[in-house]
Amino acid sequence: MLSLQLIASYAVAAVAASAALGCGAAPRTSDMPTAKAPAPTSPTELVATLDRPLYAMLVDDERVYGIQESEPPRAGVAIRYELVTVERRGGRLDRQPVQTVFALTMDSSHLYWDAGGVIFAQRKGERAPIEVERSRHGFAPIRFCRLGDAVYWQSGAEVHRAKSGRVDVIGSLGEPTTLLGIDEAFFYTDSMSDGGKPGVVRVSRATGAREWLAPVWDIAQFFVDDGAVFWVDTRFWLHKLALRASKQGPPEVLDNEASVRELAIDGGVVLATTAHGLRRYEGGSFATRHVLAADEELFGRPALHRGRVFVSVAPHGGAPRVVSVPLGPALQK
């Protein structure tokens, strides 16, 4: 899921420092020229050519969504990060100048974003955001995650769920935390053990019982998928903790040399943008690697949709693009 779902690691500092503007600004729409997309049978398909990289990308059958800088960087001008929609047929781009977007996710019908402790929902294809929650705990970055067709986040100790634009409180983590993962039976978060060691705990959704799973330091991104917890630490190492029915084993280091930046995970298959390109991890280690081109840089997180991986790329000094490649054999080297 989502869903840790934050702006690319090298952009976080700029986002945190940017000024948050109101929602009353007049909307504007720009139709960006795009190159003709390759035929659908092509291993690499062009979705759109942009003027700036796209972060926190999401994909459905009709559109690509993401976060984009409001304007090219200029000395003395604070950069806002705005909601962007790209039509998959034709590449038409719509930049919506809402308040600075710190995190973005979606369910089947709505987009949700964090504007600095204020969460908005907006029906896809429309331009009428509705405030659905305002933090009672001051500004703290929201970490969205998804399970099925619902979006989750924590506010203090509470776990909130959004579905089709409606928000409900569904449980508690027992204490305020900074991370959230979820499956059908448990919440997963960060906490301190009785010995004062930080680590990952899971909390029963039915009873609230807490179980400390493993020591974990400096988590930058956190995901739960297909019976395992995955995280990226502040060194950009990728880790995995298998969730067995018996006693937990030690965490595995899946990658400590490629500088893992952003993740997308589905059914136990992990795709990551790294310093070496787009990598796929499966079966306890990285199984495949794909570099789109020697002179291209990957931005933000990848997105998985219907057997394809969508990424934002840019050649050095060239125009950024959104492209997709097959998840299967075309990724293998």
C-alpha atoms as a PDB file:
ATOM      1  CA  MET A   1       0.000   0.000   0.000  1.00  0.00           C
ATOM      2  CA  LEU A   2       0.743   3.772  -0.183  1.00  0.00           C
ATOM      3  CA  SER A   3       1.118   3.078   1.208  1.00  0.00           C
ATOM      4  CA  LEU A   4       4.301   4.339   3.403  1.00  0.00           C
ATOM      5  CA  GLN A   5       3.276   6.301   1.434  1.00  0.00           C
ATOM      6  CA  LEU A   6       5.612   9.941   1.587  1.00  0.00           C
ATOM      7  CA  ILE A   7       7.295  12.148  -1.024  1.00  0.00           C
ATOM      8  CA  ALA A   8      10.666  10.863  -2.234  1.00  0.00           C
ATOM      9  CA  SER A   9      13.352  10.969   0.435  1.00  0.00           C
ATOM     10  CA  TYR A  10      15.413  13.656  -1.257  1.00  0.00           C
ATOM     11  CA  ALA A  11      12.333  15.932  -1.492  1.00  0.00           C
ATOM     12  CA  VAL A  12      11.090  15.596   2.091  1.00  0.00           C
ATOM     13  CA  ALA A  13      13.206  18.437   3.441  1.00  0.00           C
ATOM     14  CA  ALA A  14      11.953  20.793   0.754  1.00  0.00           C
ATOM     15  CA  VAL A  15       8.346  19.807   1.426  1.00  0.00           C
ATOM     16  CA  ALA A  16       8.670  20.328   5.170  1.00  0.00           C
ATOM     17  CA  ALA A  17      10.105  23.788   4.614  1.00  0.00           C
ATOM     18  CA  SER A  18       7.607  24.906   1.999  1.00  0.00           C
ATOM     19  CA  ALA A  19       4.816  27.354   2.743  1.00  0.00           C
ATOM     20  CA  ALA A  20       1.266  25.985   3.027  1.00  0.00           C
ATOM     21  CA  LEU A  21      -1.173  28.148   1.050  1.00  0.00           C
ATOM     22  CA  GLY A  22      -4.964  28.182   1.241  1.00  0.00           C
ATOM     23  CA  CYS A  23      -7.389  26.315  -0.994  1.00  0.00           C
ATOM     24  CA  GLY A  24      -8.993  29.491  -2.289  1.00  0.00           C
ATOM     25  CA  ALA A  25      -6.526  30.008  -5.140  1.00  0.00           C
ATOM     26  CA  ALA A  26      -8.113  30.037  -8.582  1.00  0.00           C
ATOM     27  CA  PRO A  27      -7.740  26.598 -10.208  1.00  0.00           C
ATOM     28  CA  ARG A  28      -5.708  26.314 -13.368  1.00  0.00           C
ATOM     29  CA  THR A  29      -5.367  23.581 -15.946  1.00  0.00           C
ATOM     30  CA  SER A  30      -2.440  23.040 -18.277  1.00  0.00           C
ATOM     31  CA  ASP A  31      -2.486  20.672 -21.224  1.00  0.00           C
ATOM     32  CA  MET A  32       1.078  19.457 -21.498  1.00  0.00           C
ATOM     33  CA  PRO A  33       2.273  18.293 -24.929  1.00  0.00           C
ATOM     34  CA  THR A  34       3.178  14.627 -24.925  1.00  0.00           C
ATOM     35  CA  ALA A  35       4.958  12.292 -27.282  1.00  0.00           C
ATOM     36  CA  LYS A  36       2.886   9.561 -28.891  1.00  0.00           C
ATOM     37  CA  ALA A  37       2.762   6.505 -26.640  1.00  0.00           C
ATOM     38  CA  PRO A  38       4.232   3.257 -27.970  1.00  0.00           C
ATOM     39  CA  ALA A  39       1.863   0.483 -29.020  1.00  0.00           C
ATOM     40  CA  PRO A  40       0.380  -1.459 -26.095  1.00  0.00           C
ATOM     41  CA  THR A  41       2.569  -4.454 -26.909  1.00  0.00           C
ATOM     42  CA  SER A  42       5.754  -2.449 -26.326  1.00  0.00           C
ATOM     43  CA  PRO A  43       7.662  -3.453 -23.171  1.00  0.00           C
ATOM     44  CA  THR A  44       8.037   0.229 -22.246  1.00  0.00           C
ATOM     45  CA  GLU A  45       4.986   2.426 -22.688  1.00  0.00           C
ATOM     46  CA  LEU A  46       5.043   6.218 -22.531  1.00  0.00           C
ATOM     47  CA  VAL A  47       2.173   7.661 -20.458  1.00  0.00           C
ATOM     48  CA  ALA A  48       3.088  11.351 -20.533  1.00  0.00           C
ATOM     49  CA  THR A  49       5.911  13.851 -20.911  1.00  0.00           C
ATOM     50  CA  LEU A  50       5.924  16.448 -18.100  1.00  0.00           C
ATOM     51  CA  ASP A  51       7.698  19.662 -17.173  1.00  0.00           C
ATOM     52  CA  ARG A  52       8.604  18.538 -13.635  1.00  0.00           C
ATOM     53  CA  PRO A  53       9.058  15.139 -11.927  1.00  0.00           C
ATOM     54  CA  LEU A  54       6.039  13.401 -10.403  1.00  0.00           C
ATOM     55  CA  TYR A  55       6.244  12.082  -6.825  1.00  0.00           C
ATOM     56  CA  ALA A  56       4.018   9.772  -4.740  1.00  0.00           C
ATOM     57  CA  MET A  57       2.486   8.276  -7.876  1.00  0.00           C
ATOM     58  CA  LEU A  58      -0.831   6.386  -7.920  1.00  0.00           C
ATOM     59  CA  VAL A  59      -2.462   4.681 -10.924  1.00  0.00           C
ATOM     60  CA  ASP A  60      -5.940   3.460 -11.842  1.00  0.00           C
ATOM     61  CA  ASP A  61      -7.496   2.459 -15.165  1.00  0.00           C
ATOM     62  CA  GLU A  62      -8.021   6.041 -16.329  1.00  0.00           C
ATOM     63  CA  ARG A  63      -5.463   8.300 -14.645  1.00  0.00           C
ATOM     64  CA  VAL A  64      -2.081   8.706 -13.013  1.00  0.00           C
ATOM     65  CA  TYR A  65      -2.051  10.830  -9.840  1.00  0.00           C
ATOM     66  CA  GLY A  66       0.896  12.337  -8.028  1.00  0.00           C
ATOM     67  CA  ILE A  67       2.550  15.297  -6.347  1.00  0.00           C
ATOM     68  CA  GLN A  68       4.491  17.876  -8.323  1.00  0.00           C
ATOM     69  CA  GLU A  69       6.351  21.063  -7.479  1.00  0.00           C
ATOM     70  CA  SER A  70       4.153  24.115  -8.009  1.00  0.00           C
ATOM     71  CA  GLU A  71       6.870  25.797 -10.093  1.00  0.00           C
ATOM     72  CA  PRO A  72      10.542  25.291 -10.926  1.00  0.00           C
ATOM     73  CA  PRO A  73      12.811  26.135  -7.961  1.00  0.00           C
ATOM     74  CA  ARG A  74      13.787  29.799  -7.659  1.00  0.00           C
ATOM     75  CA  ALA A  75      15.986  31.468  -5.055  1.00  0.00           C
ATOM     76  CA  GLY A  76      13.945  32.904  -2.194  1.00  0.00           C
ATOM     77  CA  VAL A  77      10.646  31.325  -3.317  1.00  0.00           C
ATOM     78  CA  ALA A  78       9.088  28.590  -1.181  1.00  0.00           C
ATOM     79  CA  ILE A  79       8.049  25.586  -3.238  1.00  0.00           C
ATOM     80  CA  ARG A  80       4.607  24.105  -2.706  1.00  0.00           C
ATOM     81  CA  TYR A  81       3.727  20.575  -3.746  1.00  0.00           C
ATOM     82  CA  GLU A  82       0.448  20.292  -5.643  1.00  0.00           C
ATOM     83  CA  LEU A  83      -1.928  17.543  -6.667  1.00  0.00           C
ATOM     84  CA  VAL A  84      -1.488  16.499 -10.308  1.00  0.00           C
ATOM     85  CA  THR A  85      -3.686  14.274 -12.475  1.00  0.00           C
ATOM     86  CA  VAL A  86      -2.537  12.863 -15.833  1.00  0.00           C
ATOM     87  CA  GLU A  87      -5.030  11.237 -18.196  1.00  0.00           C
ATOM     88  CA  ARG A  88      -3.629   7.913 -19.368  1.00  0.00           C
ATOM     89  CA  ARG A  89      -5.214   8.396 -22.807  1.00  0.00           C
ATOM     90  CA  GLY A  90      -3.700  11.472 -24.368  1.00  0.00           C
ATOM     91  CA  GLY A  91      -1.452  12.565 -21.492  1.00  0.00           C
ATOM     92  CA  ARG A  92      -3.531  15.640 -20.539  1.00  0.00           C
ATOM     93  CA  LEU A  93      -2.239  17.095 -17.261  1.00  0.00           C
ATOM     94  CA  ASP A  94      -4.308  18.934 -14.645  1.00  0.00           C
ATOM     95  CA  ARG A  95      -2.424  20.635 -11.793  1.00  0.00           C
ATOM     96  CA  GLN A  96      -4.703  21.445  -8.863  1.00  0.00           C
ATOM     97  CA  PRO A  97      -3.260  24.236  -6.652  1.00  0.00           C
ATOM     98  CA  VAL A  98      -4.493  22.943  -3.307  1.00  0.00           C
ATOM     99  CA  GLN A  99      -2.555  23.404  -0.072  1.00  0.00           C
ATOM    100  CA  THR A 100       0.874  21.781  -0.051  1.00  0.00           C
ATOM    101  CA  VAL A 101       0.402  18.014  -0.284  1.00  0.00           C
ATOM    102  CA  PHE A 102       2.568  16.036   2.136  1.00  0.00           C
ATOM    103  CA  ALA A 103       1.159  12.542   1.450  1.00  0.00           C
ATOM    104  CA  LEU A 104      -1.265  11.113  -1.096  1.00  0.00           C
ATOM    105  CA  THR A 105      -3.322   7.923  -1.372  1.00  0.00           C
ATOM    106  CA  MET A 106      -6.604   6.675  -2.843  1.00  0.00           C
ATOM    107  CA  ASP A 107      -9.380   4.103  -2.718  1.00  0.00           C
ATOM    108  CA  SER A 108     -11.555   3.078  -5.668  1.00  0.00           C
ATOM    109  CA  SER A 109     -13.561   6.306  -5.704  1.00  0.00           C
ATOM    110  CA  HIS A 110     -11.617   9.036  -3.852  1.00  0.00           C
ATOM    111  CA  LEU A 111      -8.207  10.631  -3.483  1.00  0.00           C
ATOM    112  CA  TYR A 112      -6.995  11.513   0.036  1.00  0.00           C
ATOM    113  CA  TRP A 113      -4.149  13.806   0.974  1.00  0.00           C
ATOM    114  CA  ASP A 114      -2.515  15.321   4.025  1.00  0.00           C
ATOM    115  CA  ALA A 115      -2.078  19.104   3.938  1.00  0.00           C
ATOM    116  CA  GLY A 116      -0.164  19.364   7.207  1.00  0.00           C
ATOM    117  CA  GLY A 117      -2.465  17.722   9.761  1.00  0.00           C
ATOM    118  CA  VAL A 118      -5.603  18.418   7.704  1.00  0.00           C
ATOM    119  CA  ILE A 119      -6.842  15.531   5.555  1.00  0.00           C
ATOM    120  CA  PHE A 120      -8.896  16.131   2.438  1.00  0.00           C
ATOM    121  CA  ALA A 121     -10.927  13.755   0.293  1.00  0.00           C
ATOM    122  CA  GLN A 122     -11.897  14.357  -3.318  1.00  0.00           C
ATOM    123  CA  ARG A 123     -13.897  12.183  -5.666  1.00  0.00           C
ATOM    124  CA  LYS A 124     -11.825  11.116  -8.656  1.00  0.00           C
ATOM    125  CA  GLY A 125     -12.449  13.173 -11.759  1.00  0.00           C
ATOM    126  CA  GLU A 126     -13.745  16.133  -9.747  1.00  0.00           C
ATOM    127  CA  ARG A 127     -12.117  19.271  -8.311  1.00  0.00           C
ATOM    128  CA  ALA A 128     -14.038  19.771  -5.057  1.00  0.00           C
ATOM    129  CA  PRO A 129     -11.947  18.650  -2.046  1.00  0.00           C
ATOM    130  CA  ILE A 130     -13.720  18.173   1.274  1.00  0.00           C
ATOM    131  CA  GLU A 131     -11.975  18.367   4.641  1.00  0.00           C
ATOM    132  CA  VAL A 132     -12.588  15.052   6.393  1.00  0.00           C
ATOM    133  CA  GLU A 133     -10.301  15.364   9.414  1.00  0.00           C
ATOM    134  CA  ARG A 134      -8.255  17.964  11.262  1.00  0.00           C
ATOM    135  CA  SER A 135      -5.535  16.746  13.617  1.00  0.00           C
ATOM    136  CA  ARG A 136      -6.058  17.300  17.338  1.00  0.00           C
ATOM    137  CA  HIS A 137      -2.370  16.654  17.925  1.00  0.00           C
ATOM    138  CA  GLY A 138      -0.765  19.464  15.913  1.00  0.00           C
ATOM    139  CA  PHE A 139       1.118  18.943  12.676  1.00  0.00           C
ATOM    140  CA  ALA A 140       2.713  15.552  12.196  1.00  0.00           C
ATOM    141  CA  PRO A 141       3.282  13.836   8.845  1.00  0.00           C
ATOM    142  CA  ILE A 142       0.478  11.384   8.078  1.00  0.00           C
ATOM    143  CA  ARG A 143       1.497   7.947   6.880  1.00  0.00           C
ATOM    144  CA  PHE A 144      -1.307   6.448   4.853  1.00  0.00           C
ATOM    145  CA  CYS A 145      -1.647   2.734   4.173  1.00  0.00           C
ATOM    146  CA  ARG A 146      -4.184   0.681   2.239  1.00  0.00           C
ATOM    147  CA  LEU A 147      -5.844  -2.680   2.765  1.00  0.00           C
ATOM    148  CA  GLY A 148      -8.366  -3.829   0.197  1.00  0.00           C
ATOM    149  CA  ASP A 149     -10.517  -0.894  -0.832  1.00  0.00           C
ATOM    150  CA  ALA A 150      -9.914   1.261   2.237  1.00  0.00           C
ATOM    151  CA  VAL A 151      -7.298   3.752   3.420  1.00  0.00           C
ATOM    152  CA  TYR A 152      -5.939   3.893   6.979  1.00  0.00           C
ATOM    153  CA  TRP A 153      -3.905   6.287   9.109  1.00  0.00           C
ATOM    154  CA  GLN A 154      -3.233   6.968  12.781  1.00  0.00           C
ATOM    155  CA  SER A 155      -4.171  10.102  14.683  1.00  0.00           C
ATOM    156  CA  GLY A 156      -2.545   9.954  18.100  1.00  0.00           C
ATOM    157  CA  ALA A 157      -3.342   6.415  19.261  1.00  0.00           C
ATOM    158  CA  GLU A 158      -6.485   6.052  17.131  1.00  0.00           C
ATOM    159  CA  VAL A 159      -6.623   4.209  13.820  1.00  0.00           C
ATOM    160  CA  HIS A 160      -8.873   5.846  11.240  1.00  0.00           C
ATOM    161  CA  ARG A 161     -10.311   4.265   8.108  1.00  0.00           C
ATOM    162  CA  ALA A 162     -11.593   6.079   5.014  1.00  0.00           C
ATOM    163  CA  LYS A 163     -13.727   4.423   2.371  1.00  0.00           C
ATOM    164  CA  SER A 164     -15.661   6.200  -0.374  1.00  0.00           C
ATOM    165  CA  GLY A 165     -15.012   9.529   1.323  1.00  0.00           C
ATOM    166  CA  ARG A 166     -16.321   8.499   4.765  1.00  0.00           C
ATOM    167  CA  VAL A 167     -13.979   8.373   7.789  1.00  0.00           C
ATOM    168  CA  ASP A 168     -14.465   6.133  10.844  1.00  0.00           C
ATOM    169  CA  VAL A 169     -12.366   5.343  13.930  1.00  0.00           C
ATOM    170  CA  ILE A 170     -11.861   1.568  13.953  1.00  0.00           C
ATOM    171  CA  GLY A 171      -9.401   0.883  16.786  1.00  0.00           C
ATOM    172  CA  SER A 172      -6.477   1.979  18.902  1.00  0.00           C
ATOM    173  CA  LEU A 173      -2.740   1.343  18.905  1.00  0.00           C
ATOM    174  CA  GLY A 174      -2.630   1.815  22.691  1.00  0.00           C
ATOM    175  CA  GLU A 175      -0.297   4.821  22.473  1.00  0.00           C
ATOM    176  CA  PRO A 176       0.557   7.587  19.984  1.00  0.00           C
ATOM    177  CA  THR A 177       2.942   6.304  17.305  1.00  0.00           C
ATOM    178  CA  THR A 178       4.537   7.399  14.047  1.00  0.00           C
ATOM    179  CA  LEU A 179       4.124   4.258  11.890  1.00  0.00           C
ATOM    180  CA  LEU A 180       1.161   2.170  10.792  1.00  0.00           C
ATOM    181  CA  GLY A 181       0.737  -1.084   8.916  1.00  0.00           C
ATOM    182  CA  ILE A 182      -2.371  -3.236   8.850  1.00  0.00           C
ATOM    183  CA  ASP A 183      -3.706  -6.652   7.887  1.00  0.00           C
ATOM    184  CA  GLU A 184      -7.011  -8.383   8.590  1.00  0.00           C
ATOM    185  CA  ALA A 185      -6.109  -9.312  12.188  1.00  0.00           C
ATOM    186  CA  PHE A 186      -3.500  -6.811  13.434  1.00  0.00           C
ATOM    187  CA  PHE A 187      -2.237  -3.252  13.441  1.00  0.00           C
ATOM    188  CA  TYR A 188       1.566  -2.880  13.186  1.00  0.00           C
ATOM    189  CA  THR A 189       3.459   0.092  14.533  1.00  0.00           C
ATOM    190  CA  ASP A 190       6.596   1.253  16.348  1.00  0.00           C
ATOM    191  CA  SER A 191       6.950   1.126  20.115  1.00  0.00           C
ATOM    192  CA  MET A 192       9.366   0.525  22.993  1.00  0.00           C
ATOM    193  CA  SER A 193       9.904  -2.865  24.596  1.00  0.00           C
ATOM    194  CA  ASP A 194       9.971  -3.384  28.362  1.00  0.00           C
ATOM    195  CA  GLY A 195      13.749  -3.105  28.120  1.00  0.00           C
ATOM    196  CA  GLY A 196      13.530   0.298  26.475  1.00  0.00           C
ATOM    197  CA  LYS A 197      14.443  -0.915  22.991  1.00  0.00           C
ATOM    198  CA  PRO A 198      12.606   0.542  19.972  1.00  0.00           C
ATOM    199  CA  GLY A 199      11.020  -1.947  17.643  1.00  0.00           C
ATOM    200  CA  VAL A 200       7.990  -3.164  15.726  1.00  0.00           C
ATOM    201  CA  VAL A 201       4.913  -4.291  17.638  1.00  0.00           C
ATOM    202  CA  ARG A 202       1.602  -5.699  16.492  1.00  0.00           C
ATOM    203  CA  VAL A 203      -1.696  -4.980  18.142  1.00  0.00           C
ATOM    204  CA  SER A 204      -4.688  -7.302  17.910  1.00  0.00           C
ATOM    205  CA  ARG A 205      -7.585  -5.562  16.184  1.00  0.00           C
ATOM    206  CA  ALA A 206     -10.004  -7.690  18.202  1.00  0.00           C
ATOM    207  CA  THR A 207      -8.559  -7.446  21.735  1.00  0.00           C
ATOM    208  CA  GLY A 208      -5.919  -4.675  21.707  1.00  0.00           C
ATOM    209  CA  ALA A 209      -3.262  -7.119  22.968  1.00  0.00           C
ATOM    210  CA  ARG A 210       0.272  -5.982  22.050  1.00  0.00           C
ATOM    211  CA  GLU A 211       3.200  -8.170  20.961  1.00  0.00           C
ATOM    212  CA  TRP A 212       6.737  -6.862  20.467  1.00  0.00           C
ATOM    213  CA  LEU A 213       8.149  -8.459  17.284  1.00  0.00           C
ATOM    214  CA  ALA A 214      11.678  -7.243  16.641  1.00  0.00           C
ATOM    215  CA  PRO A 215      14.132  -4.423  17.341  1.00  0.00           C
ATOM    216  CA  VAL A 216      14.117  -1.817  14.584  1.00  0.00           C
ATOM    217  CA  TRP A 217      16.107   1.407  14.375  1.00  0.00           C
ATOM    218  CA  ASP A 218      15.540   4.520  12.291  1.00  0.00           C
ATOM    219  CA  ILE A 219      12.572   3.500  10.153  1.00  0.00           C
ATOM    220  CA  ALA A 220      11.979   5.838   7.209  1.00  0.00           C
ATOM    221  CA  GLN A 221       9.303   3.752   5.415  1.00  0.00           C
ATOM    222  CA  PHE A 222       7.121   0.925   6.704  1.00  0.00           C
ATOM    223  CA  PHE A 223       4.853  -1.605   4.938  1.00  0.00           C
ATOM    224  CA  VAL A 224       2.921  -4.778   5.763  1.00  0.00           C
ATOM    225  CA  ASP A 225       2.071  -7.171   2.938  1.00  0.00           C
ATOM    226  CA  ASP A 226       1.543 -10.903   2.386  1.00  0.00           C
ATOM    227  CA  GLY A 227       2.626 -12.047   5.853  1.00  0.00           C
ATOM    228  CA  ALA A 228       5.680  -9.844   6.266  1.00  0.00           C
ATOM    229  CA  VAL A 229       6.744  -6.417   7.499  1.00  0.00           C
ATOM    230  CA  PHE A 230       9.076  -4.452   5.230  1.00  0.00           C
ATOM    231  CA  TRP A 231      10.905  -1.264   6.084  1.00  0.00           C
ATOM    232  CA  VAL A 232      13.562   1.091   4.766  1.00  0.00           C
ATOM    233  CA  ASP A 233      15.890   2.622   7.345  1.00  0.00           C
ATOM    234  CA  THR A 234      17.610   6.001   7.247  1.00  0.00           C
ATOM    235  CA  ARG A 235      20.655   4.383   5.581  1.00  0.00           C
ATOM    236  CA  PHE A 236      18.326   3.387   2.678  1.00  0.00           C
ATOM    237  CA  TRP A 237      18.636  -0.326   3.509  1.00  0.00           C
ATOM    238  CA  LEU A 238      15.647  -2.567   2.831  1.00  0.00           C
ATOM    239  CA  HIS A 239      14.613  -5.049   5.564  1.00  0.00           C
ATOM    240  CA  LYS A 240      12.009  -7.795   5.865  1.00  0.00           C
ATOM    241  CA  LEU A 241      10.491  -9.541   8.901  1.00  0.00           C
ATOM    242  CA  ALA A 242       8.453 -12.653   8.102  1.00  0.00           C
ATOM    243  CA  LEU A 243       5.368 -12.984  10.329  1.00  0.00           C
ATOM    244  CA  ARG A 244       5.273 -16.650  11.237  1.00  0.00           C
ATOM    245  CA  ALA A 245       2.692 -18.283  13.479  1.00  0.00           C
ATOM    246  CA  SER A 246       5.478 -19.455  15.817  1.00  0.00           C
ATOM    247  CA  LYS A 247       8.260 -17.365  17.365  1.00  0.00           C
ATOM    248  CA  GLN A 248       9.514 -14.595  15.115  1.00  0.00           C
ATOM    249  CA  GLY A 249      12.871 -15.028  13.447  1.00  0.00           C
ATOM    250  CA  PRO A 250      15.380 -12.202  13.027  1.00  0.00           C
ATOM    251  CA  PRO A 251      14.786  -9.537  10.363  1.00  0.00           C
ATOM    252  CA  GLU A 252      16.476 -10.045   6.990  1.00  0.00           C
ATOM    253  CA  VAL A 253      18.424  -7.388   5.131  1.00  0.00           C
ATOM    254  CA  LEU A 254      17.142  -7.607   1.549  1.00  0.00           C
ATOM    255  CA  ASP A 255      19.339  -4.856   0.145  1.00  0.00           C
ATOM    256  CA  ASN A 256      22.115  -2.810   1.732  1.00  0.00           C
ATOM    257  CA  GLU A 257      23.928  -1.558  -1.371  1.00  0.00           C
ATOM    258  CA  ALA A 258      21.420  -0.119  -3.885  1.00  0.00           C
ATOM    259  CA  SER A 259      20.205   2.891  -1.797  1.00  0.00           C
ATOM    260  CA  VAL A 260      16.502   2.029  -1.727  1.00  0.00           C
ATOM    261  CA  ARG A 261      14.381   5.180  -2.005  1.00  0.00           C
ATOM    262  CA  GLU A 262      10.685   4.293  -2.438  1.00  0.00           C
ATOM    263  CA  LEU A 263       8.671   1.054  -2.442  1.00  0.00           C
ATOM    264  CA  ALA A 264       5.533  -0.453  -3.920  1.00  0.00           C
ATOM    265  CA  ILE A 265       4.482  -3.865  -2.596  1.00  0.00           C
ATOM    266  CA  ASP A 266       1.739  -6.212  -3.762  1.00  0.00           C
ATOM    267  CA  GLY A 267       1.309  -9.896  -2.987  1.00  0.00           C
ATOM    268  CA  GLY A 268       4.812 -10.182  -1.571  1.00  0.00           C
ATOM    269  CA  VAL A 269       6.460  -8.752  -4.706  1.00  0.00           C
ATOM    270  CA  VAL A 270       8.477  -5.651  -3.817  1.00  0.00           C
ATOM    271  CA  LEU A 271       9.377  -3.019  -6.398  1.00  0.00           C
ATOM    272  CA  ALA A 272      11.784  -0.256  -5.401  1.00  0.00           C
ATOM    273  CA  THR A 273      13.286   2.801  -6.996  1.00  0.00           C
ATOM    274  CA  THR A 274      16.977   2.729  -6.120  1.00  0.00           C
ATOM    275  CA  ALA A 275      20.240   4.394  -7.038  1.00  0.00           C
ATOM    276  CA  HIS A 276      20.734   1.532  -9.527  1.00  0.00           C
ATOM    277  CA  GLY A 277      17.320   1.777 -11.167  1.00  0.00           C
ATOM    278  CA  LEU A 278      14.110  -0.192 -10.660  1.00  0.00           C
ATOM    279  CA  ARG A 279      14.549  -3.375  -8.631  1.00  0.00           C
ATOM    280  CA  ARG A 280      12.268  -6.310  -7.921  1.00  0.00           C
ATOM    281  CA  TYR A 281      12.621  -8.369  -4.738  1.00  0.00           C
ATOM    282  CA  GLU A 282      11.073 -11.774  -4.231  1.00  0.00           C
ATOM    283  CA  GLY A 283      11.933 -14.872  -2.244  1.00  0.00           C
ATOM    284  CA  GLY A 284      14.118 -13.145   0.336  1.00  0.00           C
ATOM    285  CA  SER A 285      16.478 -11.274  -1.974  1.00  0.00           C
ATOM    286  CA  PHE A 286      16.387  -9.101  -5.058  1.00  0.00           C
ATOM    287  CA  ALA A 287      15.644 -11.320  -8.019  1.00  0.00           C
ATOM    288  CA  THR A 288      15.680  -8.867 -10.905  1.00  0.00           C
ATOM    289  CA  ARG A 289      16.969  -5.439 -11.758  1.00  0.00           C
ATOM    290  CA  HIS A 290      16.004  -3.055 -14.504  1.00  0.00           C
ATOM    291  CA  VAL A 291      17.692   0.247 -15.370  1.00  0.00           C
ATOM    292  CA  LEU A 292      15.514   2.189 -17.797  1.00  0.00           C
ATOM    293  CA  ALA A 293      18.487   4.014 -19.329  1.00  0.00           C
ATOM    294  CA  ALA A 294      21.999   4.827 -18.199  1.00  0.00           C
ATOM    295  CA  ASP A 295      21.378   8.575 -18.117  1.00  0.00           C
ATOM    296  CA  GLU A 296      17.907   8.528 -16.515  1.00  0.00           C
ATOM    297  CA  GLU A 297      17.031   9.134 -12.867  1.00  0.00           C
ATOM    298  CA  LEU A 298      14.018   7.631 -11.108  1.00  0.00           C
ATOM    299  CA  PHE A 299      11.811   9.939  -9.029  1.00  0.00           C
ATOM    300  CA  GLY A 300       9.371   9.137  -6.249  1.00  0.00           C
ATOM    301  CA  ARG A 301       7.741   5.789  -5.683  1.00  0.00           C
ATOM    302  CA  PRO A 302       6.759   3.228  -8.315  1.00  0.00           C
ATOM    303  CA  ALA A 303       3.113   2.246  -8.748  1.00  0.00           C
ATOM    304  CA  LEU A 304       1.784  -1.219  -9.562  1.00  0.00           C
ATOM    305  CA  HIS A 305      -1.379  -1.622 -11.627  1.00  0.00           C
ATOM    306  CA  ARG A 306      -2.688  -4.603 -13.604  1.00  0.00           C
ATOM    307  CA  GLY A 307       0.674  -6.278 -14.091  1.00  0.00           C
ATOM    308  CA  ARG A 308       2.632  -3.139 -14.962  1.00  0.00           C
ATOM    309  CA  VAL A 309       5.015  -0.919 -13.020  1.00  0.00           C
ATOM    310  CA  PHE A 310       4.681   2.849 -13.479  1.00  0.00           C
ATOM    311  CA  VAL A 311       7.639   5.114 -12.722  1.00  0.00           C
ATOM    312  CA  SER A 312       8.589   8.770 -13.124  1.00  0.00           C
ATOM    313  CA  VAL A 313      11.921   9.166 -14.883  1.00  0.00           C
ATOM    314  CA  ALA A 314      14.012  11.989 -16.257  1.00  0.00           C
ATOM    315  CA  PRO A 315      17.216  12.064 -18.297  1.00  0.00           C
ATOM    316  CA  HIS A 316      19.798  14.497 -16.955  1.00  0.00           C
ATOM    317  CA  GLY A 317      18.883  17.854 -18.460  1.00  0.00           C
ATOM    318  CA  GLY A 318      15.813  16.441 -20.240  1.00  0.00           C
ATOM    319  CA  ALA A 319      12.042  16.443 -19.755  1.00  0.00           C
ATOM    320  CA  PRO A 320      10.609  14.102 -17.090  1.00  0.00           C
ATOM    321  CA  ARG A 321       8.334  11.292 -18.276  1.00  0.00           C
ATOM    322  CA  VAL A 322       5.899   8.799 -16.776  1.00  0.00           C
ATOM    323  CA  VAL A 323       6.415   5.344 -18.289  1.00  0.00           C
ATOM    324  CA  SER A 324       5.273   1.820 -17.524  1.00  0.00           C
ATOM    325  CA  VAL A 325       7.021  -1.525 -17.938  1.00  0.00           C
ATOM    326  CA  PRO A 326       5.703  -5.056 -17.442  1.00  0.00           C
ATOM    327  CA  LEU A 327       6.067  -6.544 -13.977  1.00  0.00           C
ATOM    328  CA  GLY A 328       7.061  -9.900 -15.420  1.00  0.00           C
ATOM    329  CA  PRO A 329       9.977 -11.096 -17.589  1.00  0.00           C
ATOM    330  CA  ALA A 330      10.592  -7.676 -19.174  1.00  0.00           C
ATOM    331  CA  LEU A 331      12.028  -6.543 -15.852  1.00  0.00           C
ATOM    332  CA  GLN A 332      14.668  -9.248 -15.827  1.00  0.00           C
ATOM    333  CA  LYS A 333      18.235  -8.663 -16.949  1.00  0.00           C
END
